Amino acid sequence: MAQAGKGRLNYRCPSCFMRDLDIDMFYDKEKKEYYCIRCPFTGTEEEVVKLNEMAKFRYKNISDRITDFD
């Protein structure tokens, strides 16, 4: 397997991030896709960004203390 480098930006693996693991993805220039070294996730930049936005939606209130449940 050819060695790969980090992409332009350090994207988190959406699959690992949903399991509370913060793993950076690597970029394969030949295939033009990002991949994770911990799990079998691979995807284009658009797919990775879209799935990371879903993760941000899931955790948007993580730092807020919720006291009113009405």
PDB file of N, CA and C in Angstrom:
ATOM      1  N   MET A   1       0.854  -1.183   0.000  1.00  0.00           N
ATOM      2  CA  MET A   1       0.000   0.000   0.000  1.00  0.00           C
ATOM      3  C   MET A   1       0.893   1.238   0.000  1.00  0.00           C
ATOM      4  N   ALA A   2       0.549   2.185  -0.804  1.00  0.00           N
ATOM      5  CA  ALA A   2       1.318   3.418  -0.892  1.00  0.00           C
ATOM      6  C   ALA A   2       1.120   4.254   0.364  1.00  0.00           C
ATOM      7  N   GLN A   3       2.141   5.001   0.703  1.00  0.00           N
ATOM      8  CA  GLN A   3       2.015   5.878   1.855  1.00  0.00           C
ATOM      9  C   GLN A   3       1.123   7.048   1.499  1.00  0.00           C
ATOM     10  N   ALA A   4       0.376   7.480   2.466  1.00  0.00           N
ATOM     11  CA  ALA A   4      -0.528   8.606   2.250  1.00  0.00           C
ATOM     12  C   ALA A   4      -0.183   9.722   3.222  1.00  0.00           C
ATOM     13  N   GLY A   5      -0.653  10.898   2.902  1.00  0.00           N
ATOM     14  CA  GLY A   5      -0.429  12.034   3.774  1.00  0.00           C
ATOM     15  C   GLY A   5      -1.742  12.625   4.216  1.00  0.00           C
ATOM     16  N   LYS A   6      -1.643  13.507   5.163  1.00  0.00           N
ATOM     17  CA  LYS A   6      -2.839  14.201   5.614  1.00  0.00           C
ATOM     18  C   LYS A   6      -3.349  15.080   4.486  1.00  0.00           C
ATOM     19  N   GLY A   7      -4.640  15.325   4.480  1.00  0.00           N
ATOM     20  CA  GLY A   7      -5.235  16.174   3.468  1.00  0.00           C
ATOM     21  C   GLY A   7      -4.971  17.638   3.753  1.00  0.00           C
ATOM     22  N   ARG A   8      -5.603  18.495   2.970  1.00  0.00           N
ATOM     23  CA  ARG A   8      -5.420  19.934   3.171  1.00  0.00           C
ATOM     24  C   ARG A   8      -5.906  20.343   4.552  1.00  0.00           C
ATOM     25  N   LEU A   9      -7.034  19.805   4.938  1.00  0.00           N
ATOM     26  CA  LEU A   9      -7.586  20.069   6.262  1.00  0.00           C
ATOM     27  C   LEU A   9      -7.617  18.771   7.037  1.00  0.00           C
ATOM     28  N   ASN A  10      -7.568  18.864   8.334  1.00  0.00           N
ATOM     29  CA  ASN A  10      -7.665  17.664   9.154  1.00  0.00           C
ATOM     30  C   ASN A  10      -9.133  17.362   9.419  1.00  0.00           C
ATOM     31  N   TYR A  11      -9.702  16.508   8.579  1.00  0.00           N
ATOM     32  CA  TYR A  11     -11.083  16.090   8.780  1.00  0.00           C
ATOM     33  C   TYR A  11     -11.125  14.949   9.777  1.00  0.00           C
ATOM     34  N   ARG A  12     -12.161  14.939  10.600  1.00  0.00           N
ATOM     35  CA  ARG A  12     -12.385  13.825  11.507  1.00  0.00           C
ATOM     36  C   ARG A  12     -13.132  12.735  10.765  1.00  0.00           C
ATOM     37  N   CYS A  13     -12.853  11.502  11.124  1.00  0.00           N
ATOM     38  CA  CYS A  13     -13.604  10.389  10.549  1.00  0.00           C
ATOM     39  C   CYS A  13     -15.014  10.430  11.120  1.00  0.00           C
ATOM     40  N   PRO A  14     -16.048  10.577  10.287  1.00  0.00           N
ATOM     41  CA  PRO A  14     -17.417  10.671  10.805  1.00  0.00           C
ATOM     42  C   PRO A  14     -17.865   9.396  11.506  1.00  0.00           C
ATOM     43  N   SER A  15     -17.440   8.253  11.019  1.00  0.00           N
ATOM     44  CA  SER A  15     -17.837   6.986  11.623  1.00  0.00           C
ATOM     45  C   SER A  15     -17.245   6.842  13.027  1.00  0.00           C
ATOM     46  N   CYS A  16     -15.981   7.134  13.164  1.00  0.00           N
ATOM     47  CA  CYS A  16     -15.332   7.057  14.483  1.00  0.00           C
ATOM     48  C   CYS A  16     -15.847   8.152  15.413  1.00  0.00           C
ATOM     49  N   PHE A  17     -16.088   9.345  14.872  1.00  0.00           N
ATOM     50  CA  PHE A  17     -16.541  10.458  15.702  1.00  0.00           C
ATOM     51  C   PHE A  17     -17.917  10.188  16.302  1.00  0.00           C
ATOM     52  N   MET A  18     -18.770   9.463  15.575  1.00  0.00           N
ATOM     53  CA  MET A  18     -20.077   9.090  16.123  1.00  0.00           C
ATOM     54  C   MET A  18     -19.928   8.124  17.292  1.00  0.00           C
ATOM     55  N   ARG A  19     -18.783   7.452  17.362  1.00  0.00           N
ATOM     56  CA  ARG A  19     -18.497   6.547  18.478  1.00  0.00           C
ATOM     57  C   ARG A  19     -17.579   7.218  19.504  1.00  0.00           C
ATOM     58  N   ASP A  20     -17.515   8.541  19.467  1.00  0.00           N
ATOM     59  CA  ASP A  20     -16.724   9.347  20.400  1.00  0.00           C
ATOM     60  C   ASP A  20     -15.223   9.091  20.310  1.00  0.00           C
ATOM     61  N   LEU A  21     -14.740   8.802  19.103  1.00  0.00           N
ATOM     62  CA  LEU A  21     -13.310   8.689  18.851  1.00  0.00           C
ATOM     63  C   LEU A  21     -12.911   9.822  17.922  1.00  0.00           C
ATOM     64  N   ASP A  22     -11.867  10.516  18.260  1.00  0.00           N
ATOM     65  CA  ASP A  22     -11.423  11.657  17.457  1.00  0.00           C
ATOM     66  C   ASP A  22     -10.231  11.232  16.607  1.00  0.00           C
ATOM     67  N   ILE A  23     -10.510  10.726  15.408  1.00  0.00           N
ATOM     68  CA  ILE A  23      -9.479  10.197  14.523  1.00  0.00           C
ATOM     69  C   ILE A  23      -9.410  11.066  13.265  1.00  0.00           C
ATOM     70  N   ASP A  24      -8.211  11.540  12.937  1.00  0.00           N
ATOM     71  CA  ASP A  24      -8.022  12.297  11.695  1.00  0.00           C
ATOM     72  C   ASP A  24      -8.042  11.347  10.508  1.00  0.00           C
ATOM     73  N   MET A  25      -8.540  11.851   9.389  1.00  0.00           N
ATOM     74  CA  MET A  25      -8.568  11.060   8.166  1.00  0.00           C
ATOM     75  C   MET A  25      -7.335  11.380   7.321  1.00  0.00           C
ATOM     76  N   PHE A  26      -6.997  10.453   6.443  1.00  0.00           N
ATOM     77  CA  PHE A  26      -5.888  10.623   5.510  1.00  0.00           C
ATOM     78  C   PHE A  26      -6.454  10.725   4.106  1.00  0.00           C
ATOM     79  N   TYR A  27      -5.697  11.365   3.224  1.00  0.00           N
ATOM     80  CA  TYR A  27      -6.148  11.597   1.856  1.00  0.00           C
ATOM     81  C   TYR A  27      -5.322  10.769   0.880  1.00  0.00           C
ATOM     82  N   ASP A  28      -6.002  10.041   0.005  1.00  0.00           N
ATOM     83  CA  ASP A  28      -5.353   9.265  -1.046  1.00  0.00           C
ATOM     84  C   ASP A  28      -5.475  10.058  -2.347  1.00  0.00           C
ATOM     85  N   LYS A  29      -4.364  10.589  -2.830  1.00  0.00           N
ATOM     86  CA  LYS A  29      -4.383  11.442  -4.024  1.00  0.00           C
ATOM     87  C   LYS A  29      -4.773  10.666  -5.276  1.00  0.00           C
ATOM     88  N   GLU A  30      -4.381   9.408  -5.364  1.00  0.00           N
ATOM     89  CA  GLU A  30      -4.702   8.605  -6.547  1.00  0.00           C
ATOM     90  C   GLU A  30      -6.203   8.346  -6.672  1.00  0.00           C
ATOM     91  N   LYS A  31      -6.835   8.003  -5.563  1.00  0.00           N
ATOM     92  CA  LYS A  31      -8.276   7.720  -5.576  1.00  0.00           C
ATOM     93  C   LYS A  31      -9.112   8.969  -5.339  1.00  0.00           C
ATOM     94  N   LYS A  32      -8.459  10.050  -4.922  1.00  0.00           N
ATOM     95  CA  LYS A  32      -9.132  11.314  -4.600  1.00  0.00           C
ATOM     96  C   LYS A  32     -10.228  11.115  -3.560  1.00  0.00           C
ATOM     97  N   GLU A  33      -9.877  10.417  -2.475  1.00  0.00           N
ATOM     98  CA  GLU A  33     -10.823  10.199  -1.392  1.00  0.00           C
ATOM     99  C   GLU A  33     -10.091  10.141  -0.054  1.00  0.00           C
ATOM    100  N   TYR A  34     -10.841  10.394   0.985  1.00  0.00           N
ATOM    101  CA  TYR A  34     -10.320  10.335   2.342  1.00  0.00           C
ATOM    102  C   TYR A  34     -10.604   8.951   2.912  1.00  0.00           C
ATOM    103  N   TYR A  35      -9.733   8.498   3.808  1.00  0.00           N
ATOM    104  CA  TYR A  35      -9.950   7.209   4.454  1.00  0.00           C
ATOM    105  C   TYR A  35      -9.478   7.276   5.894  1.00  0.00           C
ATOM    106  N   CYS A  36     -10.021   6.378   6.692  1.00  0.00           N
ATOM    107  CA  CYS A  36      -9.684   6.293   8.109  1.00  0.00           C
ATOM    108  C   CYS A  36      -8.767   5.092   8.317  1.00  0.00           C
ATOM    109  N   ILE A  37      -7.768   5.249   9.181  1.00  0.00           N
ATOM    110  CA  ILE A  37      -6.868   4.130   9.443  1.00  0.00           C
ATOM    111  C   ILE A  37      -7.394   3.235  10.559  1.00  0.00           C
ATOM    112  N   ARG A  38      -8.439   3.671  11.252  1.00  0.00           N
ATOM    113  CA  ARG A  38      -8.983   2.873  12.351  1.00  0.00           C
ATOM    114  C   ARG A  38     -10.186   2.045  11.932  1.00  0.00           C
ATOM    115  N   CYS A  39     -10.987   2.535  11.023  1.00  0.00           N
ATOM    116  CA  CYS A  39     -12.194   1.827  10.584  1.00  0.00           C
ATOM    117  C   CYS A  39     -12.213   1.769   9.055  1.00  0.00           C
ATOM    118  N   PRO A  40     -13.159   1.068   8.447  1.00  0.00           N
ATOM    119  CA  PRO A  40     -13.165   0.937   6.986  1.00  0.00           C
ATOM    120  C   PRO A  40     -13.814   2.103   6.229  1.00  0.00           C
ATOM    121  N   PHE A  41     -14.040   3.241   6.875  1.00  0.00           N
ATOM    122  CA  PHE A  41     -14.710   4.360   6.216  1.00  0.00           C
ATOM    123  C   PHE A  41     -13.817   5.000   5.156  1.00  0.00           C
ATOM    124  N   THR A  42     -14.380   5.211   3.972  1.00  0.00           N
ATOM    125  CA  THR A  42     -13.745   5.988   2.915  1.00  0.00           C
ATOM    126  C   THR A  42     -14.804   6.878   2.292  1.00  0.00           C
ATOM    127  N   GLY A  43     -14.402   8.016   1.782  1.00  0.00           N
ATOM    128  CA  GLY A  43     -15.367   8.901   1.144  1.00  0.00           C
ATOM    129  C   GLY A  43     -14.717  10.115   0.535  1.00  0.00           C
ATOM    130  N   THR A  44     -15.477  10.767  -0.336  1.00  0.00           N
ATOM    131  CA  THR A  44     -15.002  11.995  -0.951  1.00  0.00           C
ATOM    132  C   THR A  44     -15.067  13.125   0.075  1.00  0.00           C
ATOM    133  N   GLU A  45     -14.468  14.247  -0.290  1.00  0.00           N
ATOM    134  CA  GLU A  45     -14.475  15.394   0.618  1.00  0.00           C
ATOM    135  C   GLU A  45     -15.906  15.847   0.913  1.00  0.00           C
ATOM    136  N   GLU A  46     -16.770  15.823  -0.105  1.00  0.00           N
ATOM    137  CA  GLU A  46     -18.164  16.246   0.087  1.00  0.00           C
ATOM    138  C   GLU A  46     -18.888  15.334   1.070  1.00  0.00           C
ATOM    139  N   GLU A  47     -18.656  14.017   0.966  1.00  0.00           N
ATOM    140  CA  GLU A  47     -19.302  13.071   1.877  1.00  0.00           C
ATOM    141  C   GLU A  47     -18.815  13.271   3.312  1.00  0.00           C
ATOM    142  N   VAL A  48     -17.519  13.469   3.463  1.00  0.00           N
ATOM    143  CA  VAL A  48     -16.945  13.653   4.794  1.00  0.00           C
ATOM    144  C   VAL A  48     -17.494  14.932   5.440  1.00  0.00           C
ATOM    145  N   VAL A  49     -17.542  16.014   4.676  1.00  0.00           N
ATOM    146  CA  VAL A  49     -18.051  17.284   5.209  1.00  0.00           C
ATOM    147  C   VAL A  49     -19.528  17.136   5.604  1.00  0.00           C
ATOM    148  N   LYS A  50     -20.315  16.498   4.749  1.00  0.00           N
ATOM    149  CA  LYS A  50     -21.741  16.313   5.036  1.00  0.00           C
ATOM    150  C   LYS A  50     -21.954  15.491   6.306  1.00  0.00           C
ATOM    151  N   LEU A  51     -21.222  14.403   6.457  1.00  0.00           N
ATOM    152  CA  LEU A  51     -21.374  13.566   7.642  1.00  0.00           C
ATOM    153  C   LEU A  51     -20.837  14.247   8.894  1.00  0.00           C
ATOM    154  N   ASN A  52     -19.796  15.057   8.763  1.00  0.00           N
ATOM    155  CA  ASN A  52     -19.306  15.797   9.927  1.00  0.00           C
ATOM    156  C   ASN A  52     -20.286  16.881  10.353  1.00  0.00           C
ATOM    157  N   GLU A  53     -21.019  17.453   9.407  1.00  0.00           N
ATOM    158  CA  GLU A  53     -22.060  18.425   9.764  1.00  0.00           C
ATOM    159  C   GLU A  53     -23.175  17.742  10.552  1.00  0.00           C
ATOM    160  N   MET A  54     -23.496  16.496  10.208  1.00  0.00           N
ATOM    161  CA  MET A  54     -24.494  15.743  10.968  1.00  0.00           C
ATOM    162  C   MET A  54     -24.007  15.508  12.389  1.00  0.00           C
ATOM    163  N   ALA A  55     -22.715  15.245  12.559  1.00  0.00           N
ATOM    164  CA  ALA A  55     -22.159  15.043  13.892  1.00  0.00           C
ATOM    165  C   ALA A  55     -22.208  16.337  14.696  1.00  0.00           C
ATOM    166  N   LYS A  56     -21.941  17.475  14.047  1.00  0.00           N
ATOM    167  CA  LYS A  56     -22.039  18.759  14.741  1.00  0.00           C
ATOM    168  C   LYS A  56     -23.463  19.004  15.212  1.00  0.00           C
ATOM    169  N   PHE A  57     -24.442  18.623  14.386  1.00  0.00           N
ATOM    170  CA  PHE A  57     -25.843  18.770  14.785  1.00  0.00           C
ATOM    171  C   PHE A  57     -26.138  17.924  16.017  1.00  0.00           C
ATOM    172  N   ARG A  58     -25.582  16.732  16.051  1.00  0.00           N
ATOM    173  CA  ARG A  58     -25.821  15.824  17.178  1.00  0.00           C
ATOM    174  C   ARG A  58     -25.264  16.392  18.481  1.00  0.00           C
ATOM    175  N   TYR A  59     -24.117  17.042  18.418  1.00  0.00           N
ATOM    176  CA  TYR A  59     -23.445  17.517  19.619  1.00  0.00           C
ATOM    177  C   TYR A  59     -23.524  19.024  19.820  1.00  0.00           C
ATOM    178  N   LYS A  60     -24.467  19.706  19.179  1.00  0.00           N
ATOM    179  CA  LYS A  60     -24.471  21.173  19.241  1.00  0.00           C
ATOM    180  C   LYS A  60     -24.720  21.723  20.637  1.00  0.00           C
ATOM    181  N   ASN A  61     -25.430  21.009  21.483  1.00  0.00           N
ATOM    182  CA  ASN A  61     -25.727  21.497  22.837  1.00  0.00           C
ATOM    183  C   ASN A  61     -24.890  20.810  23.905  1.00  0.00           C
ATOM    184  N   ILE A  62     -23.779  20.219  23.535  1.00  0.00           N
ATOM    185  CA  ILE A  62     -23.010  19.449  24.488  1.00  0.00           C
ATOM    186  C   ILE A  62     -22.437  20.299  25.621  1.00  0.00           C
ATOM    187  N   SER A  63     -22.139  21.558  25.370  1.00  0.00           N
ATOM    188  CA  SER A  63     -21.565  22.400  26.412  1.00  0.00           C
ATOM    189  C   SER A  63     -22.606  23.207  27.168  1.00  0.00           C
ATOM    190  N   ASP A  64     -23.897  23.071  26.829  1.00  0.00           N
ATOM    191  CA  ASP A  64     -24.959  23.798  27.513  1.00  0.00           C
ATOM    192  C   ASP A  64     -25.538  22.956  28.641  1.00  0.00           C
ATOM    193  N   ARG A  65     -25.776  23.593  29.770  1.00  0.00           N
ATOM    194  CA  ARG A  65     -26.451  22.909  30.864  1.00  0.00           C
ATOM    195  C   ARG A  65     -27.947  23.140  30.702  1.00  0.00           C
ATOM    196  N   ILE A  66     -28.699  22.078  30.547  1.00  0.00           N
ATOM    197  CA  ILE A  66     -30.140  22.171  30.340  1.00  0.00           C
ATOM    198  C   ILE A  66     -30.827  21.956  31.674  1.00  0.00           C
ATOM    199  N   THR A  67     -31.573  22.982  32.097  1.00  0.00           N
ATOM    200  CA  THR A  67     -32.277  22.913  33.372  1.00  0.00           C
ATOM    201  C   THR A  67     -33.781  23.005  33.215  1.00  0.00           C
ATOM    202  N   ASP A  68     -34.249  23.458  32.070  1.00  0.00           N
ATOM    203  CA  ASP A  68     -35.682  23.603  31.830  1.00  0.00           C
ATOM    204  C   ASP A  68     -36.121  22.564  30.801  1.00  0.00           C
ATOM    205  N   PHE A  69     -37.009  21.671  31.220  1.00  0.00           N
ATOM    206  CA  PHE A  69     -37.457  20.593  30.337  1.00  0.00           C
ATOM    207  C   PHE A  69     -38.859  20.790  29.831  1.00  0.00           C
ATOM    208  N   ASP A  70     -39.377  21.999  29.905  1.00  0.00           N
ATOM    209  CA  ASP A  70     -40.751  22.267  29.433  1.00  0.00           C
ATOM    210  C   ASP A  70     -40.796  22.550  27.973  1.00  0.00           C
TER     211      ASP A  70
END
